[in-house]
Amino acid sequence: MFDVLSAPYPGVIKAVFLDRDGVLNEKMPEGHYVKRWSEFHVLPGVEEAIGLLNRAELRVVVISNQRGIALGKYTAEDVQAIHAEFQKLLETEKARVDGFYFCPHDDKECNCRKPMPGLFEQAVKDFPEIDAASCVMIGDSISDIEFGRRLGMFTVFIEGDPRRQKLGFDSARALADKRFSSLYEAVIDLLATLLARERLLESISGGPRLQPS
């Protein structure tokens, strides 16, 4: 489902921030956690969507709350191993994630659990060329959308599987700048907008141009 009656994208886009569970892979039922690679089921179109973002020369950053670490369900090393396997899978499709960042803490223990800004601050240390105003946040929960809005990012809500929607679904959907059924649909819409802008600039200037910087 494409959402056409919504806000325009920022004039300059440098990076796309992605939540993990429910956006890249199937979300577990509430109270359950993805603890190992065999439980990480990639959603349709995800590899292609990330590859398209790579070819558009946009940074791709994955940020996630991993409360299960604080609860003793799995370890930070388990999360890193899952991300390493996912990166290997993406490489077979000539795609990549530029950075993975996750919060291992429980509620109210830190500055990095979304919607707090800590994961963004970690990413900016590695990619100082990005700023919040030039980023898009794509997520499937109220914490994702609030995270993006507090920082001044453009926000996209992924509706996903209605059986796995968290509390706050309606609020997140209403607050987001755009809404789609999947990451692939969101990326197609974003890149179609960027292409249309580039063609407009070409028609005005008489030659090909990149995004303004």
Protein backbone atom coordinates (compact mmCIF):
# COMPACT_ATOMS: atom_id res chain seq x y z
CA MET A 1 0.00 0.00 0.00
CA PHE A 2 1.52 3.29 -1.09
CA ASP A 3 0.74 6.41 0.94
CA VAL A 4 0.56 9.38 -1.41
CA LEU A 5 -1.34 11.87 0.79
CA SER A 6 1.52 12.78 3.09
CA ALA A 7 4.40 15.18 3.67
CA PRO A 8 7.17 15.70 1.08
CA TYR A 9 10.62 14.28 1.71
CA PRO A 10 13.46 16.60 2.83
CA GLY A 11 15.28 18.53 0.14
CA VAL A 12 18.53 16.66 0.85
CA ILE A 13 18.70 13.04 1.99
CA LYS A 14 22.02 11.52 3.05
CA ALA A 15 21.06 8.52 5.17
CA VAL A 16 18.23 6.12 5.89
CA PHE A 17 17.90 4.74 9.41
CA LEU A 18 16.11 1.38 9.69
CA ASP A 19 14.60 -0.35 12.67
CA ARG A 20 15.30 -4.10 12.63
CA ASP A 21 12.54 -6.44 13.82
CA GLY A 22 9.37 -5.88 11.82
CA VAL A 23 11.19 -3.89 9.12
CA LEU A 24 14.06 -6.15 8.04
CA ASN A 25 12.94 -9.44 9.55
CA GLU A 26 9.75 -10.98 10.89
CA LYS A 27 8.82 -9.63 14.30
CA MET A 28 8.47 -12.19 17.07
CA PRO A 29 5.25 -12.32 19.16
CA GLU A 30 5.26 -9.91 22.10
CA GLY A 31 7.56 -11.16 24.86
CA HIS A 32 9.63 -13.32 22.49
CA TYR A 33 13.03 -12.44 21.00
CA VAL A 34 15.18 -13.21 17.97
CA LYS A 35 18.11 -14.89 19.71
CA ARG A 36 20.00 -16.52 16.84
CA TRP A 37 20.39 -16.37 13.06
CA SER A 38 18.04 -19.34 12.51
CA GLU A 39 15.24 -17.21 14.02
CA PHE A 40 16.02 -14.19 11.86
CA HIS A 41 13.59 -14.50 8.93
CA VAL A 42 14.25 -11.77 6.37
CA LEU A 43 11.11 -10.14 5.01
CA PRO A 44 10.39 -10.16 1.25
CA GLY A 45 12.14 -7.45 -0.75
CA VAL A 46 14.51 -6.36 2.02
CA GLU A 47 17.77 -7.28 0.28
CA GLU A 48 16.65 -5.56 -2.91
CA ALA A 49 15.49 -2.47 -1.03
CA ILE A 50 18.83 -2.08 0.75
CA GLY A 51 20.68 -2.61 -2.52
CA LEU A 52 18.64 0.17 -4.13
CA LEU A 53 19.55 2.53 -1.30
CA ASN A 54 23.22 1.60 -1.72
CA ARG A 55 23.12 2.34 -5.43
CA ALA A 56 21.49 5.69 -4.71
CA GLU A 57 24.57 6.44 -2.54
CA LEU A 58 22.56 6.79 0.66
CA ARG A 59 23.96 5.60 3.98
CA VAL A 60 22.03 2.66 5.40
CA VAL A 61 22.06 2.42 9.19
CA VAL A 62 20.23 -0.17 11.30
CA ILE A 63 19.29 0.78 14.86
CA SER A 64 17.41 -1.44 17.31
CA ASN A 65 16.44 -1.81 20.94
CA GLN A 66 17.71 -5.16 22.22
CA ARG A 67 16.16 -5.33 25.68
CA GLY A 68 16.53 -9.11 25.65
CA ILE A 69 20.22 -8.63 26.49
CA ALA A 70 19.34 -6.86 29.74
CA LEU A 71 16.82 -9.59 30.50
CA GLY A 72 19.41 -12.33 29.98
CA LYS A 73 17.64 -13.86 26.98
CA TYR A 74 20.73 -13.55 24.74
CA THR A 75 24.02 -11.65 24.61
CA ALA A 76 25.45 -8.71 22.71
CA GLU A 77 27.68 -11.23 20.92
CA ASP A 78 24.55 -13.09 19.75
CA VAL A 79 23.19 -9.86 18.25
CA GLN A 80 26.51 -9.13 16.53
CA ALA A 81 26.58 -12.66 15.11
CA ILE A 82 23.08 -12.21 13.67
CA HIS A 83 24.10 -8.93 12.07
CA ALA A 84 27.24 -10.50 10.62
CA GLU A 85 25.18 -13.27 9.00
CA PHE A 86 22.69 -10.74 7.65
CA GLN A 87 25.54 -8.74 6.16
CA LYS A 88 26.84 -11.89 4.47
CA LEU A 89 23.38 -12.48 3.00
CA LEU A 90 23.26 -8.92 1.70
CA GLU A 91 26.69 -9.30 0.11
CA THR A 92 25.36 -12.12 -2.07
CA GLU A 93 22.87 -9.55 -3.44
CA LYS A 94 25.56 -6.85 -3.81
CA ALA A 95 24.05 -4.89 -0.92
CA ARG A 96 25.29 -3.79 2.50
CA VAL A 97 24.40 -2.06 5.75
CA ASP A 98 26.86 0.70 6.57
CA GLY A 99 26.42 0.42 10.33
CA PHE A 100 24.54 -1.56 12.98
CA TYR A 101 23.84 0.02 16.38
CA PHE A 102 21.78 -1.44 19.18
CA CYS A 103 20.78 -0.65 22.76
CA PRO A 104 21.37 -3.53 25.21
CA HIS A 105 19.62 -1.85 28.15
CA ASP A 106 16.25 -2.09 29.85
CA ASP A 107 13.80 0.80 30.09
CA LYS A 108 15.02 4.06 31.65
CA GLU A 109 18.60 2.84 32.09
CA CYS A 110 20.36 4.80 29.35
CA ASN A 111 20.34 7.42 26.63
CA CYS A 112 20.42 4.93 23.76
CA ARG A 113 17.11 3.09 24.02
CA LYS A 114 14.77 4.51 21.38
CA PRO A 115 13.15 7.00 21.43
CA MET A 116 16.21 8.48 23.17
CA PRO A 117 18.85 9.84 20.73
CA GLY A 118 21.91 7.80 21.77
CA LEU A 119 21.99 5.43 18.79
CA PHE A 120 21.88 8.37 16.39
CA GLU A 121 24.73 10.01 18.26
CA GLN A 122 26.78 6.81 17.95
CA ALA A 123 26.13 6.69 14.20
CA VAL A 124 27.13 10.32 13.69
CA LYS A 125 30.50 9.62 15.31
CA ASP A 126 31.14 7.07 12.54
CA PHE A 127 29.48 9.07 9.76
CA PRO A 128 30.00 12.76 10.62
CA GLU A 129 28.69 13.91 7.25
CA ILE A 130 25.10 13.09 8.21
CA ASP A 131 22.74 15.26 10.22
CA ALA A 132 19.22 14.50 11.42
CA ALA A 133 17.53 16.89 8.99
CA SER A 134 18.96 14.92 6.05
CA CYS A 135 17.90 11.51 7.41
CA VAL A 136 14.85 9.31 7.00
CA MET A 137 13.79 7.03 9.86
CA ILE A 138 11.86 3.90 8.85
CA GLY A 139 10.30 1.86 11.64
CA ASP A 140 7.27 -0.08 12.79
CA SER A 141 6.71 1.15 16.34
CA ILE A 142 5.89 4.32 18.24
CA SER A 143 9.43 4.41 19.68
CA ASP A 144 10.86 4.52 16.14
CA ILE A 145 8.61 7.36 15.04
CA GLU A 146 9.14 9.35 18.24
CA PHE A 147 12.91 8.81 17.90
CA GLY A 148 12.88 10.29 14.41
CA ARG A 149 10.53 13.16 15.23
CA ARG A 150 12.49 14.26 18.30
CA LEU A 151 15.64 14.50 16.20
CA GLY A 152 13.92 16.24 13.30
CA MET A 153 14.10 13.32 10.88
CA PHE A 154 11.54 12.51 8.22
CA THR A 155 9.62 9.48 9.51
CA VAL A 156 8.14 6.48 7.69
CA PHE A 157 5.92 3.91 9.39
CA ILE A 158 5.87 0.27 8.24
CA GLU A 159 2.54 -1.33 9.03
CA GLY A 160 3.75 -4.90 8.67
CA ASP A 161 1.96 -7.96 10.01
CA PRO A 162 -1.24 -6.85 11.82
CA ARG A 163 -0.91 -9.85 14.17
CA ARG A 164 2.39 -8.49 15.53
CA GLN A 165 1.57 -4.81 15.93
CA LYS A 166 2.60 -3.29 19.25
CA LEU A 167 0.71 -0.94 21.54
CA GLY A 168 0.93 2.54 20.11
CA PHE A 169 0.40 1.36 16.52
CA ASP A 170 -2.36 3.89 15.81
CA SER A 171 -0.36 6.77 17.29
CA ALA A 172 2.76 5.83 15.34
CA ARG A 173 0.79 5.59 12.11
CA ALA A 174 -0.78 8.99 12.70
CA LEU A 175 2.49 10.71 13.66
CA ALA A 176 4.61 9.38 10.78
CA ASP A 177 5.15 11.50 7.68
CA LYS A 178 4.48 8.52 5.40
CA ARG A 179 3.12 4.99 5.79
CA PHE A 180 3.76 1.81 3.80
CA SER A 181 3.22 -1.93 4.09
CA SER A 182 6.88 -2.87 3.64
CA LEU A 183 10.42 -1.53 3.46
CA TYR A 184 10.52 -2.26 -0.27
CA GLU A 185 7.48 -0.07 -0.94
CA ALA A 186 8.93 2.72 1.21
CA VAL A 187 12.27 2.64 -0.62
CA ILE A 188 10.63 2.63 -4.07
CA ASP A 189 8.63 5.72 -3.12
CA LEU A 190 11.69 7.50 -1.71
CA LEU A 191 13.87 6.78 -4.72
CA ALA A 192 11.12 7.68 -7.18
CA THR A 193 10.92 11.07 -5.50
CA LEU A 194 14.69 11.58 -5.71
CA LEU A 195 14.69 10.57 -9.38
CA ALA A 196 11.87 12.98 -10.16
CA ARG A 197 13.79 15.79 -8.47
CA GLU A 198 16.93 14.98 -10.43
CA ARG A 199 15.01 15.04 -13.70
CA LEU A 200 13.48 18.38 -12.77
CA LEU A 201 16.91 19.82 -12.04
CA GLU A 202 18.18 18.49 -15.37
CA SER A 203 15.33 20.12 -17.23
CA ILE A 204 16.01 23.44 -15.50
CA SER A 205 19.81 23.39 -15.80
CA GLY A 206 20.08 21.64 -19.14
CA GLY A 207 22.28 18.81 -17.80
CA PRO A 208 22.43 15.97 -15.26
CA ARG A 209 22.84 16.92 -11.61
CA LEU A 210 23.05 15.10 -8.30
CA GLN A 211 21.14 15.84 -5.12
CA PRO A 212 21.98 19.34 -3.84
CA SER A 213 24.55 19.25 -1.04
